[in-house]
């Protein structure tokens, strides 16, 4: 039973070490920005979060004055 527990702890430690290698061992290591609203590359391409896109669409529909779907 103790061998299984030690093996499990070692396996979890190795997995965390491998997944966090860049974060732990490289200078200025940080997680990549995956949130759409804060990602510079997404903003360059004109891709925004659903909330922002909905707000832009509503303003466009209000500007043209149509009551139906634009």
Protein backbone atom coordinates (compact mmCIF):
# COMPACT_ATOMS: atom_id res chain seq x y z
CA UNK A 1 0.00 0.00 0.00
CA UNK A 2 2.81 2.40 0.86
CA UNK A 3 4.59 1.60 -2.41
CA UNK A 4 1.46 2.49 -4.38
CA UNK A 5 1.08 5.80 -2.52
CA UNK A 6 4.73 6.76 -3.10
CA UNK A 7 4.48 5.78 -6.77
CA UNK A 8 1.33 7.90 -7.16
CA UNK A 9 2.94 10.93 -5.52
CA UNK A 10 6.04 10.54 -7.69
CA UNK A 11 3.92 10.23 -10.83
CA UNK A 12 1.93 13.38 -9.98
CA UNK A 13 5.16 15.29 -9.24
CA UNK A 14 6.65 14.26 -12.60
CA UNK A 15 3.48 15.26 -14.47
CA UNK A 16 3.35 18.68 -12.81
CA UNK A 17 7.06 19.22 -13.46
CA UNK A 18 6.70 18.40 -17.15
CA UNK A 19 3.59 20.55 -17.60
CA UNK A 20 5.12 23.49 -15.75
CA UNK A 21 8.67 23.27 -17.14
CA UNK A 22 8.59 26.63 -18.91
CA UNK A 23 6.85 28.32 -16.01
CA UNK A 24 9.20 26.95 -13.35
CA UNK A 25 12.61 26.86 -15.03
CA UNK A 26 12.73 29.59 -17.68
CA UNK A 27 13.21 33.27 -17.03
CA UNK A 28 9.98 35.26 -17.32
CA UNK A 29 8.05 32.05 -17.83
CA UNK A 30 4.31 32.64 -17.74
CA UNK A 31 1.18 30.95 -18.93
CA UNK A 32 0.02 31.83 -22.44
CA UNK A 33 -2.91 34.24 -22.60
CA UNK A 34 -5.88 32.13 -23.68
CA UNK A 35 -8.71 34.50 -22.80
CA UNK A 36 -9.96 36.01 -26.06
CA UNK A 37 -10.44 39.53 -24.71
CA UNK A 38 -6.86 39.83 -23.48
CA UNK A 39 -5.01 38.03 -26.28
CA UNK A 40 -3.12 40.47 -28.55
CA UNK A 41 -3.03 38.12 -31.54
CA UNK A 42 -6.79 37.62 -31.44
CA UNK A 43 -7.38 41.37 -31.25
CA UNK A 44 -5.06 41.96 -34.23
CA UNK A 45 -7.24 39.61 -36.27
CA UNK A 46 -10.46 41.31 -35.17
CA UNK A 47 -11.63 38.42 -32.98
CA UNK A 48 -13.31 39.47 -29.74
CA UNK A 49 -15.27 37.71 -27.02
CA UNK A 50 -18.94 36.94 -27.63
CA UNK A 51 -20.07 39.71 -25.27
CA UNK A 52 -18.11 42.37 -27.15
CA UNK A 53 -19.23 41.08 -30.55
CA UNK A 54 -22.87 41.17 -29.40
CA UNK A 55 -22.47 44.75 -28.19
CA UNK A 56 -20.94 45.80 -31.53
CA UNK A 57 -23.76 44.11 -33.46
CA UNK A 58 -26.44 45.77 -31.33
CA UNK A 59 -24.90 49.20 -31.89
CA UNK A 60 -24.76 48.55 -35.63
CA UNK A 61 -28.44 47.55 -35.70
CA UNK A 62 -29.38 50.59 -33.62
CA UNK A 63 -27.48 52.84 -36.02
CA UNK A 64 -29.26 51.57 -39.11
CA UNK A 65 -32.65 51.75 -37.34
CA UNK A 66 -34.00 48.40 -38.48
CA UNK A 67 -36.41 46.55 -36.20
CA UNK A 68 -35.69 43.18 -37.75
CA UNK A 69 -32.49 41.19 -37.66
CA UNK A 70 -29.66 42.92 -39.52
